[in-house]
Amino acid sequence: MPRTLPPVVRNHLSALRLLLVFTAVTGVCYPLAVTGVGQLAFPHQANGSRITRHGTTVGSSLLGQGFSHRTRHSGGPGGPSRPDPAWFQPRPSAGGYDPLASGASNLGPNNPALVRTVEERRAAVAAFDGVDPGDVPADAVTASGSGLDPHISTAYAYEQADRVAKARGLRPRTVRGLVARHVRGRVMGFLGADRVNVVELNAALDRTR
């Protein structure tokens, strides 16, 4: 008759079999099934909601990015970047729109450094867009918690329309119509506020002639 294995050995063999089974199910079968469903049903979202231009990925509708150009400094290139008037500008970013540095400034609302920064941003945005400082929306001078929010308020989007139209030689109503087509309502009809995805809006602007 075959010799019976000791209880300790039998327990270890049972645990090993369970480990192999669950590794196959949760580590191989489940990820492959989820990936397959994602690629079949939601290929755009599953691949990062990428935005392409002439076959080249230029951004993602999930991540905010800066739209600026380099200025000359001390007679040469490599100066600080400045907002490009030909593009709609996003919210400020504490991490410079770097996905690896996502986060906020961690400064409290009464921190003198934050108050000073907000006032400086307000003056700069007002001068850049040609509006009164009191009309500058709050999201134009405050960063999101992640620093990567691609959305701005409809007020900030429309505020920039005339400046973008002038820089591109387009009619203001053309640019405003483009903004209107990219306004998205509240999430589930009642969460948050109407918003505009700047990355998607600028991609559509780039196709406008």
N, C-alpha and C. Protein backbone atom coordinates (compact mmCIF):
# COMPACT_ATOMS: atom_id res chain seq x y z
N MET A 1 0.84 -1.19 0.00
CA MET A 1 0.00 0.00 0.00
C MET A 1 0.88 1.25 0.00
N PRO A 2 0.44 2.31 -0.70
CA PRO A 2 1.26 3.52 -0.74
C PRO A 2 1.37 4.13 0.63
N ARG A 3 2.51 4.70 0.87
CA ARG A 3 2.76 5.33 2.16
C ARG A 3 2.05 6.67 2.24
N THR A 4 1.35 6.94 3.34
CA THR A 4 0.63 8.19 3.52
C THR A 4 1.61 9.31 3.86
N LEU A 5 1.44 10.45 3.17
CA LEU A 5 2.31 11.58 3.44
C LEU A 5 1.98 12.20 4.78
N PRO A 6 2.95 12.80 5.43
CA PRO A 6 2.70 13.48 6.70
C PRO A 6 1.74 14.65 6.50
N PRO A 7 0.95 14.97 7.51
CA PRO A 7 -0.01 16.09 7.39
C PRO A 7 0.62 17.41 6.98
N VAL A 8 1.80 17.69 7.47
CA VAL A 8 2.47 18.95 7.13
C VAL A 8 2.76 19.02 5.63
N VAL A 9 3.22 17.92 5.06
CA VAL A 9 3.52 17.88 3.63
C VAL A 9 2.24 18.02 2.82
N ARG A 10 1.17 17.31 3.24
CA ARG A 10 -0.10 17.40 2.52
C ARG A 10 -0.64 18.84 2.54
N ASN A 11 -0.51 19.51 3.67
CA ASN A 11 -0.98 20.90 3.76
C ASN A 11 -0.19 21.81 2.83
N HIS A 12 1.11 21.59 2.76
CA HIS A 12 1.94 22.41 1.88
C HIS A 12 1.62 22.15 0.41
N LEU A 13 1.36 20.90 0.06
CA LEU A 13 1.00 20.59 -1.32
C LEU A 13 -0.35 21.20 -1.68
N SER A 14 -1.31 21.17 -0.76
CA SER A 14 -2.61 21.80 -1.02
C SER A 14 -2.45 23.30 -1.21
N ALA A 15 -1.63 23.92 -0.36
CA ALA A 15 -1.41 25.36 -0.49
C ALA A 15 -0.73 25.69 -1.81
N LEU A 16 0.21 24.84 -2.23
CA LEU A 16 0.90 25.07 -3.50
C LEU A 16 -0.06 24.97 -4.68
N ARG A 17 -0.97 23.96 -4.63
CA ARG A 17 -1.95 23.82 -5.70
C ARG A 17 -2.88 25.04 -5.77
N LEU A 18 -3.32 25.52 -4.60
CA LEU A 18 -4.17 26.71 -4.58
C LEU A 18 -3.43 27.92 -5.10
N LEU A 19 -2.16 28.02 -4.74
CA LEU A 19 -1.35 29.15 -5.24
C LEU A 19 -1.27 29.13 -6.76
N LEU A 20 -1.03 27.96 -7.33
CA LEU A 20 -0.92 27.85 -8.79
C LEU A 20 -2.25 28.16 -9.47
N VAL A 21 -3.34 27.67 -8.87
CA VAL A 21 -4.67 27.91 -9.45
C VAL A 21 -5.01 29.39 -9.44
N PHE A 22 -4.86 30.03 -8.27
CA PHE A 22 -5.22 31.44 -8.16
C PHE A 22 -4.25 32.34 -8.95
N THR A 23 -3.00 31.91 -9.08
CA THR A 23 -2.06 32.67 -9.92
C THR A 23 -2.51 32.65 -11.37
N ALA A 24 -2.96 31.47 -11.82
CA ALA A 24 -3.43 31.35 -13.20
C ALA A 24 -4.71 32.14 -13.43
N VAL A 25 -5.62 32.08 -12.43
CA VAL A 25 -6.92 32.75 -12.60
C VAL A 25 -6.78 34.26 -12.47
N THR A 26 -6.19 34.72 -11.37
CA THR A 26 -6.13 36.17 -11.10
C THR A 26 -4.94 36.86 -11.75
N GLY A 27 -3.90 36.09 -12.06
CA GLY A 27 -2.70 36.71 -12.65
C GLY A 27 -2.60 36.59 -14.15
N VAL A 28 -3.37 35.67 -14.73
CA VAL A 28 -3.30 35.47 -16.18
C VAL A 28 -4.68 35.60 -16.83
N CYS A 29 -5.61 34.74 -16.42
CA CYS A 29 -6.93 34.72 -17.08
C CYS A 29 -7.69 36.02 -16.90
N TYR A 30 -7.78 36.52 -15.66
CA TYR A 30 -8.56 37.74 -15.41
C TYR A 30 -7.97 38.96 -16.12
N PRO A 31 -6.65 39.22 -16.01
CA PRO A 31 -6.09 40.37 -16.75
C PRO A 31 -6.29 40.27 -18.26
N LEU A 32 -6.15 39.07 -18.82
CA LEU A 32 -6.35 38.91 -20.25
C LEU A 32 -7.81 39.17 -20.63
N ALA A 33 -8.75 38.70 -19.78
CA ALA A 33 -10.16 38.93 -20.07
C ALA A 33 -10.51 40.40 -20.01
N VAL A 34 -10.03 41.09 -18.97
CA VAL A 34 -10.31 42.53 -18.84
C VAL A 34 -9.68 43.31 -19.99
N THR A 35 -8.44 42.97 -20.34
CA THR A 35 -7.77 43.64 -21.46
C THR A 35 -8.51 43.41 -22.76
N GLY A 36 -8.96 42.17 -22.98
CA GLY A 36 -9.70 41.87 -24.20
C GLY A 36 -11.00 42.63 -24.29
N VAL A 37 -11.77 42.66 -23.20
CA VAL A 37 -13.03 43.41 -23.19
C VAL A 37 -12.77 44.89 -23.42
N GLY A 38 -11.73 45.42 -22.77
CA GLY A 38 -11.41 46.84 -22.94
C GLY A 38 -11.05 47.18 -24.37
N GLN A 39 -10.23 46.32 -25.00
CA GLN A 39 -9.82 46.58 -26.38
C GLN A 39 -10.97 46.45 -27.36
N LEU A 40 -11.91 45.54 -27.07
CA LEU A 40 -13.04 45.34 -27.98
C LEU A 40 -14.13 46.39 -27.79
N ALA A 41 -14.46 46.70 -26.53
CA ALA A 41 -15.59 47.58 -26.25
C ALA A 41 -15.19 49.04 -26.11
N PHE A 42 -14.00 49.30 -25.55
CA PHE A 42 -13.57 50.68 -25.30
C PHE A 42 -12.11 50.88 -25.72
N PRO A 43 -11.79 50.69 -26.99
CA PRO A 43 -10.38 50.76 -27.40
C PRO A 43 -9.75 52.13 -27.17
N HIS A 44 -10.51 53.20 -27.38
CA HIS A 44 -9.94 54.55 -27.20
C HIS A 44 -9.57 54.79 -25.74
N GLN A 45 -10.49 54.47 -24.83
CA GLN A 45 -10.22 54.67 -23.41
C GLN A 45 -9.15 53.71 -22.91
N ALA A 46 -9.20 52.47 -23.38
CA ALA A 46 -8.24 51.47 -22.90
C ALA A 46 -6.81 51.80 -23.30
N ASN A 47 -6.64 52.53 -24.37
CA ASN A 47 -5.30 52.90 -24.84
C ASN A 47 -4.88 54.29 -24.40
N GLY A 48 -5.54 54.83 -23.38
CA GLY A 48 -5.10 56.10 -22.80
C GLY A 48 -5.79 57.33 -23.32
N SER A 49 -6.89 57.18 -24.05
CA SER A 49 -7.63 58.34 -24.60
C SER A 49 -6.67 59.29 -25.33
N ARG A 50 -5.84 58.71 -26.17
CA ARG A 50 -4.82 59.50 -26.85
C ARG A 50 -5.40 60.38 -27.95
N ILE A 51 -4.79 61.52 -28.14
CA ILE A 51 -5.14 62.45 -29.21
C ILE A 51 -3.99 62.45 -30.20
N THR A 52 -4.30 62.18 -31.46
CA THR A 52 -3.25 62.08 -32.47
C THR A 52 -3.39 63.18 -33.51
N ARG A 53 -2.28 63.48 -34.12
CA ARG A 53 -2.23 64.47 -35.19
C ARG A 53 -1.28 63.95 -36.25
N HIS A 54 -1.82 63.67 -37.45
CA HIS A 54 -1.03 63.09 -38.54
C HIS A 54 -0.35 61.81 -38.10
N GLY A 55 -1.06 60.99 -37.34
CA GLY A 55 -0.52 59.70 -36.92
C GLY A 55 0.40 59.76 -35.72
N THR A 56 0.65 60.94 -35.18
CA THR A 56 1.53 61.11 -34.03
C THR A 56 0.72 61.47 -32.80
N THR A 57 0.97 60.82 -31.68
CA THR A 57 0.27 61.13 -30.44
C THR A 57 0.76 62.46 -29.90
N VAL A 58 -0.16 63.39 -29.71
CA VAL A 58 0.21 64.73 -29.24
C VAL A 58 -0.30 65.00 -27.82
N GLY A 59 -1.04 64.06 -27.24
CA GLY A 59 -1.54 64.26 -25.89
C GLY A 59 -2.60 63.25 -25.55
N SER A 60 -3.17 63.43 -24.39
CA SER A 60 -4.27 62.59 -23.92
C SER A 60 -5.37 63.49 -23.39
N SER A 61 -6.60 63.14 -23.67
CA SER A 61 -7.72 63.95 -23.18
C SER A 61 -7.89 63.81 -21.67
N LEU A 62 -7.13 62.93 -21.03
CA LEU A 62 -7.21 62.74 -19.59
C LEU A 62 -6.19 63.58 -18.83
N LEU A 63 -5.20 64.12 -19.53
CA LEU A 63 -4.10 64.82 -18.87
C LEU A 63 -3.97 66.24 -19.42
N GLY A 64 -3.95 67.20 -18.52
CA GLY A 64 -3.71 68.57 -18.95
C GLY A 64 -2.27 68.76 -19.38
N GLN A 65 -2.01 69.72 -20.22
CA GLN A 65 -0.66 70.03 -20.66
C GLN A 65 -0.55 71.51 -20.96
N GLY A 66 0.67 72.00 -20.91
CA GLY A 66 0.89 73.41 -21.18
C GLY A 66 0.93 73.69 -22.66
N PHE A 67 0.49 74.87 -23.05
CA PHE A 67 0.54 75.31 -24.46
C PHE A 67 1.30 76.62 -24.48
N SER A 68 2.61 76.49 -24.58
CA SER A 68 3.48 77.66 -24.49
C SER A 68 4.58 77.57 -25.53
N HIS A 69 5.40 78.60 -25.58
CA HIS A 69 6.54 78.61 -26.48
C HIS A 69 7.72 79.22 -25.74
N ARG A 70 8.92 78.87 -26.19
CA ARG A 70 10.13 79.38 -25.56
C ARG A 70 10.39 80.81 -26.02
N THR A 71 10.85 81.63 -25.10
CA THR A 71 11.21 83.00 -25.43
C THR A 71 12.73 83.13 -25.41
N ARG A 72 13.21 84.16 -26.07
CA ARG A 72 14.65 84.41 -26.08
C ARG A 72 15.05 85.13 -24.79
N HIS A 73 16.17 84.71 -24.26
CA HIS A 73 16.65 85.29 -23.01
C HIS A 73 18.12 85.65 -23.17
N SER A 74 18.44 86.87 -22.88
CA SER A 74 19.82 87.35 -22.99
C SER A 74 20.37 87.13 -24.39
N GLY A 75 19.53 87.35 -25.40
CA GLY A 75 20.00 87.27 -26.78
C GLY A 75 20.09 85.88 -27.34
N GLY A 76 19.66 84.86 -26.63
CA GLY A 76 19.75 83.49 -27.13
C GLY A 76 18.53 82.69 -26.78
N PRO A 77 18.41 81.48 -27.34
CA PRO A 77 17.26 80.63 -27.04
C PRO A 77 17.38 80.01 -25.65
N GLY A 78 16.37 79.31 -25.26
CA GLY A 78 16.41 78.61 -23.98
C GLY A 78 15.86 79.41 -22.83
N GLY A 79 15.15 80.49 -23.12
CA GLY A 79 14.56 81.30 -22.06
C GLY A 79 13.34 80.62 -21.48
N PRO A 80 12.70 81.28 -20.53
CA PRO A 80 11.51 80.70 -19.91
C PRO A 80 10.37 80.58 -20.91
N SER A 81 9.50 79.60 -20.69
CA SER A 81 8.36 79.43 -21.58
C SER A 81 7.28 80.43 -21.24
N ARG A 82 6.57 80.89 -22.26
CA ARG A 82 5.48 81.85 -22.11
C ARG A 82 4.22 81.27 -22.74
N PRO A 83 3.06 81.58 -22.18
CA PRO A 83 1.82 81.10 -22.80
C PRO A 83 1.71 81.57 -24.24
N ASP A 84 1.33 80.66 -25.11
CA ASP A 84 1.19 80.98 -26.52
C ASP A 84 -0.21 81.54 -26.76
N PRO A 85 -0.33 82.77 -27.24
CA PRO A 85 -1.66 83.37 -27.44
C PRO A 85 -2.52 82.66 -28.47
N ALA A 86 -1.93 81.81 -29.29
CA ALA A 86 -2.68 81.12 -30.33
C ALA A 86 -3.39 79.86 -29.81
N TRP A 87 -3.21 79.57 -28.53
CA TRP A 87 -3.82 78.37 -27.95
C TRP A 87 -4.64 78.74 -26.71
N PHE A 88 -5.66 77.93 -26.44
CA PHE A 88 -6.38 78.06 -25.18
C PHE A 88 -5.47 77.55 -24.07
N GLN A 89 -5.43 78.28 -22.97
CA GLN A 89 -4.55 77.92 -21.87
C GLN A 89 -5.29 77.11 -20.80
N PRO A 90 -4.60 76.14 -20.18
CA PRO A 90 -5.23 75.33 -19.13
C PRO A 90 -5.12 76.00 -17.77
N ARG A 91 -5.55 75.31 -16.75
CA ARG A 91 -5.34 75.78 -15.38
C ARG A 91 -3.85 75.73 -15.05
N PRO A 92 -3.39 76.51 -14.08
CA PRO A 92 -2.00 76.40 -13.65
C PRO A 92 -1.73 75.00 -13.10
N SER A 93 -0.46 74.64 -13.07
CA SER A 93 -0.07 73.33 -12.56
C SER A 93 1.11 73.50 -11.60
N ALA A 94 0.97 72.96 -10.40
CA ALA A 94 2.05 73.05 -9.42
C ALA A 94 3.24 72.20 -9.83
N GLY A 95 3.00 71.18 -10.66
CA GLY A 95 4.07 70.29 -11.09
C GLY A 95 4.51 70.50 -12.52
N GLY A 96 4.12 71.61 -13.11
CA GLY A 96 4.53 71.88 -14.49
C GLY A 96 3.95 70.91 -15.49
N TYR A 97 2.76 70.37 -15.22
CA TYR A 97 2.06 69.43 -16.11
C TYR A 97 2.86 68.13 -16.32
N ASP A 98 3.74 67.81 -15.38
CA ASP A 98 4.53 66.59 -15.45
C ASP A 98 3.74 65.45 -14.80
N PRO A 99 3.34 64.41 -15.57
CA PRO A 99 2.57 63.32 -14.98
C PRO A 99 3.29 62.61 -13.84
N LEU A 100 4.62 62.68 -13.82
CA LEU A 100 5.39 62.04 -12.76
C LEU A 100 5.48 62.91 -11.51
N ALA A 101 5.02 64.16 -11.63
CA ALA A 101 5.08 65.08 -10.48
C ALA A 101 3.68 65.57 -10.14
N SER A 102 2.69 64.69 -10.30
CA SER A 102 1.30 65.08 -10.04
C SER A 102 1.12 65.45 -8.58
N GLY A 103 0.44 66.57 -8.34
CA GLY A 103 0.19 67.00 -6.98
C GLY A 103 -0.06 68.49 -6.91
N ALA A 104 -0.43 68.93 -5.72
CA ALA A 104 -0.72 70.34 -5.49
C ALA A 104 0.46 71.01 -4.79
N SER A 105 0.33 72.31 -4.54
CA SER A 105 1.40 73.04 -3.87
C SER A 105 1.39 72.80 -2.36
N ASN A 106 0.26 72.30 -1.84
CA ASN A 106 0.08 72.06 -0.41
C ASN A 106 0.10 73.34 0.42
N LEU A 107 -0.12 74.48 -0.22
CA LEU A 107 -0.20 75.75 0.50
C LEU A 107 -1.65 76.00 0.90
N GLY A 108 -1.87 76.44 2.12
CA GLY A 108 -3.21 76.72 2.60
C GLY A 108 -3.77 77.98 1.98
N PRO A 109 -5.09 78.17 2.02
CA PRO A 109 -5.72 79.32 1.39
C PRO A 109 -5.28 80.66 1.98
N ASN A 110 -4.78 80.66 3.21
CA ASN A 110 -4.33 81.91 3.84
C ASN A 110 -2.82 82.08 3.80
N ASN A 111 -2.15 81.19 3.12
CA ASN A 111 -0.69 81.29 3.02
C ASN A 111 -0.32 82.52 2.19
N PRO A 112 0.52 83.41 2.71
CA PRO A 112 0.87 84.62 1.96
C PRO A 112 1.48 84.33 0.59
N ALA A 113 2.27 83.25 0.51
CA ALA A 113 2.89 82.91 -0.78
C ALA A 113 1.83 82.54 -1.81
N LEU A 114 0.81 81.79 -1.39
CA LEU A 114 -0.25 81.40 -2.32
C LEU A 114 -1.09 82.62 -2.70
N VAL A 115 -1.42 83.46 -1.73
CA VAL A 115 -2.21 84.66 -2.03
C VAL A 115 -1.46 85.55 -3.02
N ARG A 116 -0.17 85.71 -2.81
CA ARG A 116 0.62 86.53 -3.72
C ARG A 116 0.68 85.91 -5.11
N THR A 117 0.86 84.58 -5.17
CA THR A 117 0.92 83.90 -6.46
C THR A 117 -0.40 84.04 -7.22
N VAL A 118 -1.52 83.89 -6.52
CA VAL A 118 -2.83 84.01 -7.17
C VAL A 118 -3.03 85.42 -7.72
N GLU A 119 -2.65 86.44 -6.96
CA GLU A 119 -2.81 87.81 -7.43
C GLU A 119 -1.91 88.08 -8.64
N GLU A 120 -0.70 87.53 -8.62
CA GLU A 120 0.20 87.70 -9.78
C GLU A 120 -0.38 87.00 -11.01
N ARG A 121 -0.92 85.81 -10.82
CA ARG A 121 -1.55 85.10 -11.93
C ARG A 121 -2.75 85.86 -12.46
N ARG A 122 -3.55 86.43 -11.55
CA ARG A 122 -4.73 87.16 -11.98
C ARG A 122 -4.35 88.35 -12.86
N ALA A 123 -3.33 89.08 -12.46
CA ALA A 123 -2.89 90.23 -13.25
C ALA A 123 -2.34 89.78 -14.59
N ALA A 124 -1.58 88.68 -14.58
CA ALA A 124 -0.99 88.20 -15.84
C ALA A 124 -2.06 87.70 -16.80
N VAL A 125 -3.04 86.95 -16.31
CA VAL A 125 -4.12 86.43 -17.17
C VAL A 125 -4.96 87.58 -17.71
N ALA A 126 -5.26 88.57 -16.87
CA ALA A 126 -6.06 89.71 -17.31
C ALA A 126 -5.36 90.46 -18.44
N ALA A 127 -4.05 90.68 -18.29
CA ALA A 127 -3.30 91.37 -19.33
C ALA A 127 -3.20 90.51 -20.60
N PHE A 128 -3.03 89.22 -20.42
CA PHE A 128 -2.87 88.31 -21.56
C PHE A 128 -4.15 88.21 -22.38
N ASP A 129 -5.29 88.15 -21.70
CA ASP A 129 -6.58 88.00 -22.39
C ASP A 129 -7.28 89.33 -22.65
N GLY A 130 -6.72 90.43 -22.14
CA GLY A 130 -7.31 91.73 -22.36
C GLY A 130 -8.63 91.94 -21.66
N VAL A 131 -8.73 91.50 -20.40
CA VAL A 131 -9.96 91.65 -19.62
C VAL A 131 -9.63 92.33 -18.30
N ASP A 132 -10.66 92.69 -17.58
CA ASP A 132 -10.48 93.28 -16.26
C ASP A 132 -10.08 92.19 -15.27
N PRO A 133 -9.15 92.47 -14.35
CA PRO A 133 -8.73 91.45 -13.38
C PRO A 133 -9.89 90.88 -12.58
N GLY A 134 -10.91 91.67 -12.32
CA GLY A 134 -12.06 91.17 -11.57
C GLY A 134 -12.90 90.17 -12.34
N ASP A 135 -12.70 90.10 -13.66
CA ASP A 135 -13.48 89.16 -14.48
C ASP A 135 -12.76 87.84 -14.71
N VAL A 136 -11.55 87.71 -14.20
CA VAL A 136 -10.78 86.48 -14.40
C VAL A 136 -11.38 85.36 -13.53
N PRO A 137 -11.78 84.24 -14.12
CA PRO A 137 -12.38 83.14 -13.33
C PRO A 137 -11.37 82.54 -12.36
N ALA A 138 -11.88 81.93 -11.31
CA ALA A 138 -11.01 81.36 -10.28
C ALA A 138 -10.12 80.24 -10.81
N ASP A 139 -10.65 79.44 -11.75
CA ASP A 139 -9.85 78.31 -12.23
C ASP A 139 -8.68 78.76 -13.11
N ALA A 140 -8.67 80.01 -13.53
CA ALA A 140 -7.56 80.52 -14.34
C ALA A 140 -6.34 80.82 -13.48
N VAL A 141 -6.53 80.93 -12.17
CA VAL A 141 -5.42 81.31 -11.29
C VAL A 141 -5.15 80.29 -10.19
N THR A 142 -5.90 79.20 -10.16
CA THR A 142 -5.69 78.17 -9.15
C THR A 142 -5.50 76.82 -9.82
N ALA A 143 -4.53 76.06 -9.32
CA ALA A 143 -4.26 74.74 -9.87
C ALA A 143 -5.22 73.71 -9.29
N SER A 144 -5.40 72.62 -10.00
CA SER A 144 -6.21 71.53 -9.49
C SER A 144 -5.39 70.71 -8.49
N GLY A 145 -6.05 69.81 -7.79
CA GLY A 145 -5.35 69.00 -6.81
C GLY A 145 -4.26 68.15 -7.42
N SER A 146 -4.47 67.67 -8.63
CA SER A 146 -3.48 66.83 -9.30
C SER A 146 -2.49 67.64 -10.12
N GLY A 147 -2.89 68.87 -10.48
CA GLY A 147 -2.06 69.66 -11.38
C GLY A 147 -2.14 69.21 -12.82
N LEU A 148 -3.02 68.23 -13.09
CA LEU A 148 -3.12 67.65 -14.43
C LEU A 148 -4.55 67.67 -14.97
N ASP A 149 -5.43 68.43 -14.35
CA ASP A 149 -6.82 68.49 -14.80
C ASP A 149 -6.88 69.14 -16.18
N PRO A 150 -7.42 68.44 -17.19
CA PRO A 150 -7.47 69.02 -18.54
C PRO A 150 -8.66 69.94 -18.75
N HIS A 151 -9.51 70.11 -17.75
CA HIS A 151 -10.74 70.88 -17.91
C HIS A 151 -10.61 72.30 -17.34
N ILE A 152 -11.29 73.22 -17.98
CA ILE A 152 -11.44 74.58 -17.47
C ILE A 152 -12.92 74.93 -17.51
N SER A 153 -13.27 75.98 -16.82
CA SER A 153 -14.67 76.41 -16.81
C SER A 153 -15.05 77.01 -18.16
N THR A 154 -16.34 77.03 -18.45
CA THR A 154 -16.79 77.65 -19.69
C THR A 154 -16.47 79.15 -19.69
N ALA A 155 -16.52 79.77 -18.51
CA ALA A 155 -16.21 81.21 -18.42
C ALA A 155 -14.78 81.47 -18.86
N TYR A 156 -13.84 80.63 -18.42
CA TYR A 156 -12.44 80.83 -18.79
C TYR A 156 -12.21 80.53 -20.27
N ALA A 157 -12.93 79.53 -20.79
CA ALA A 157 -12.78 79.21 -22.21
C ALA A 157 -13.26 80.36 -23.09
N TYR A 158 -14.45 80.89 -22.78
CA TYR A 158 -14.98 81.99 -23.58
C TYR A 158 -14.15 83.26 -23.41
N GLU A 159 -13.56 83.45 -22.23
CA GLU A 159 -12.71 84.62 -22.02
C GLU A 159 -11.52 84.63 -22.98
N GLN A 160 -11.02 83.45 -23.31
CA GLN A 160 -9.83 83.34 -24.16
C GLN A 160 -10.14 83.37 -25.65
N ALA A 161 -11.41 83.24 -26.00
CA ALA A 161 -11.79 83.06 -27.41
C ALA A 161 -11.33 84.21 -28.30
N ASP A 162 -11.54 85.45 -27.86
CA ASP A 162 -11.17 86.60 -28.69
C ASP A 162 -9.66 86.68 -28.89
N ARG A 163 -8.91 86.38 -27.85
CA ARG A 163 -7.45 86.41 -27.96
C ARG A 163 -6.94 85.35 -28.93
N VAL A 164 -7.50 84.14 -28.84
CA VAL A 164 -7.11 83.06 -29.75
C VAL A 164 -7.49 83.40 -31.18
N ALA A 165 -8.69 83.95 -31.38
CA ALA A 165 -9.14 84.32 -32.73
C ALA A 165 -8.21 85.36 -33.35
N LYS A 166 -7.83 86.35 -32.56
CA LYS A 166 -6.94 87.40 -33.07
C LYS A 166 -5.58 86.83 -33.44
N ALA A 167 -5.04 85.95 -32.59
CA ALA A 167 -3.71 85.38 -32.83
C ALA A 167 -3.69 84.49 -34.07
N ARG A 168 -4.82 83.87 -34.38
CA ARG A 168 -4.88 82.95 -35.51
C ARG A 168 -5.51 83.55 -36.76
N GLY A 169 -5.98 84.78 -36.65
CA GLY A 169 -6.62 85.39 -37.80
C GLY A 169 -7.96 84.79 -38.12
N LEU A 170 -8.67 84.31 -37.11
CA LEU A 170 -9.99 83.73 -37.29
C LEU A 170 -11.06 84.69 -36.80
N ARG A 171 -12.29 84.47 -37.23
CA ARG A 171 -13.39 85.28 -36.73
C ARG A 171 -13.73 84.86 -35.31
N PRO A 172 -13.97 85.82 -34.42
CA PRO A 172 -14.29 85.47 -33.03
C PRO A 172 -15.47 84.51 -32.92
N ARG A 173 -16.49 84.69 -33.76
CA ARG A 173 -17.65 83.81 -33.64
C ARG A 173 -17.31 82.38 -34.04
N THR A 174 -16.32 82.21 -34.92
CA THR A 174 -15.88 80.87 -35.29
C THR A 174 -15.25 80.16 -34.09
N VAL A 175 -14.40 80.89 -33.39
CA VAL A 175 -13.73 80.30 -32.22
C VAL A 175 -14.73 80.07 -31.09
N ARG A 176 -15.64 81.01 -30.91
CA ARG A 176 -16.65 80.83 -29.86
C ARG A 176 -17.57 79.65 -30.16
N GLY A 177 -17.87 79.46 -31.43
CA GLY A 177 -18.67 78.30 -31.82
C GLY A 177 -17.94 77.00 -31.54
N LEU A 178 -16.61 77.02 -31.73
CA LEU A 178 -15.80 75.83 -31.43
C LEU A 178 -15.84 75.53 -29.94
N VAL A 179 -15.76 76.58 -29.13
CA VAL A 179 -15.85 76.40 -27.68
C VAL A 179 -17.21 75.80 -27.31
N ALA A 180 -18.27 76.35 -27.88
CA ALA A 180 -19.62 75.88 -27.57
C ALA A 180 -19.79 74.40 -27.87
N ARG A 181 -19.16 73.94 -28.95
CA ARG A 181 -19.28 72.52 -29.31
C ARG A 181 -18.50 71.61 -28.37
N HIS A 182 -17.60 72.18 -27.57
CA HIS A 182 -16.80 71.36 -26.66
C HIS A 182 -17.22 71.52 -25.20
N VAL A 183 -18.31 72.21 -24.97
CA VAL A 183 -18.81 72.33 -23.60
C VAL A 183 -19.45 71.00 -23.20
N ARG A 184 -19.05 70.49 -22.05
CA ARG A 184 -19.62 69.25 -21.52
C ARG A 184 -20.38 69.58 -20.25
N GLY A 185 -21.56 68.99 -20.12
CA GLY A 185 -22.41 69.28 -18.96
C GLY A 185 -21.92 68.61 -17.69
N ARG A 186 -22.68 68.78 -16.64
CA ARG A 186 -22.31 68.21 -15.36
C ARG A 186 -22.29 66.68 -15.42
N VAL A 187 -21.42 66.09 -14.61
CA VAL A 187 -21.34 64.64 -14.54
C VAL A 187 -22.64 64.10 -13.96
N MET A 188 -23.24 63.16 -14.66
CA MET A 188 -24.51 62.55 -14.26
C MET A 188 -25.62 63.59 -14.12
N GLY A 189 -25.43 64.75 -14.71
CA GLY A 189 -26.47 65.77 -14.72
C GLY A 189 -26.53 66.66 -13.50
N PHE A 190 -25.76 66.34 -12.45
CA PHE A 190 -25.87 67.17 -11.24
C PHE A 190 -24.55 67.35 -10.49
N LEU A 191 -23.50 66.65 -10.88
CA LEU A 191 -22.22 66.77 -10.19
C LEU A 191 -21.32 67.77 -10.90
N GLY A 192 -20.70 68.67 -10.13
CA GLY A 192 -19.77 69.62 -10.70
C GLY A 192 -20.45 70.72 -11.49
N ALA A 193 -19.76 71.20 -12.51
CA ALA A 193 -20.27 72.29 -13.34
C ALA A 193 -19.92 72.03 -14.80
N ASP A 194 -20.50 72.81 -15.70
CA ASP A 194 -20.16 72.70 -17.11
C ASP A 194 -18.67 72.96 -17.28
N ARG A 195 -18.05 72.28 -18.22
CA ARG A 195 -16.61 72.36 -18.37
C ARG A 195 -16.20 72.19 -19.82
N VAL A 196 -14.94 72.52 -20.11
CA VAL A 196 -14.37 72.37 -21.45
C VAL A 196 -13.02 71.68 -21.31
N ASN A 197 -12.79 70.65 -22.10
CA ASN A 197 -11.51 69.97 -22.11
C ASN A 197 -10.56 70.75 -23.02
N VAL A 198 -9.53 71.36 -22.42
CA VAL A 198 -8.63 72.24 -23.17
C VAL A 198 -7.84 71.46 -24.22
N VAL A 199 -7.41 70.25 -23.89
CA VAL A 199 -6.60 69.48 -24.83
C VAL A 199 -7.42 69.12 -26.06
N GLU A 200 -8.65 68.68 -25.85
CA GLU A 200 -9.52 68.36 -26.98
C GLU A 200 -9.88 69.62 -27.77
N LEU A 201 -10.12 70.72 -27.07
CA LEU A 201 -10.46 71.97 -27.74
C LEU A 201 -9.31 72.45 -28.61
N ASN A 202 -8.09 72.38 -28.10
CA ASN A 202 -6.94 72.83 -28.90
C ASN A 202 -6.67 71.89 -30.08
N ALA A 203 -6.95 70.60 -29.90
CA ALA A 203 -6.80 69.68 -31.02
C ALA A 203 -7.77 70.03 -32.14
N ALA A 204 -9.02 70.37 -31.76
CA ALA A 204 -10.00 70.78 -32.75
C ALA A 204 -9.62 72.14 -33.36
N LEU A 205 -9.07 73.02 -32.55
CA LEU A 205 -8.62 74.32 -33.04
C LEU A 205 -7.53 74.16 -34.07
N ASP A 206 -6.65 73.20 -33.86
CA ASP A 206 -5.54 72.97 -34.78
C ASP A 206 -6.05 72.51 -36.14
N ARG A 207 -7.24 71.92 -36.17
CA ARG A 207 -7.83 71.45 -37.44
C ARG A 207 -8.68 72.52 -38.11
N THR A 208 -8.87 73.65 -37.42
CA THR A 208 -9.74 74.71 -37.94
C THR A 208 -8.94 75.65 -38.83
N ARG A 209 -9.48 75.95 -39.98
CA ARG A 209 -8.83 76.89 -40.90
C ARG A 209 -9.83 77.98 -41.27
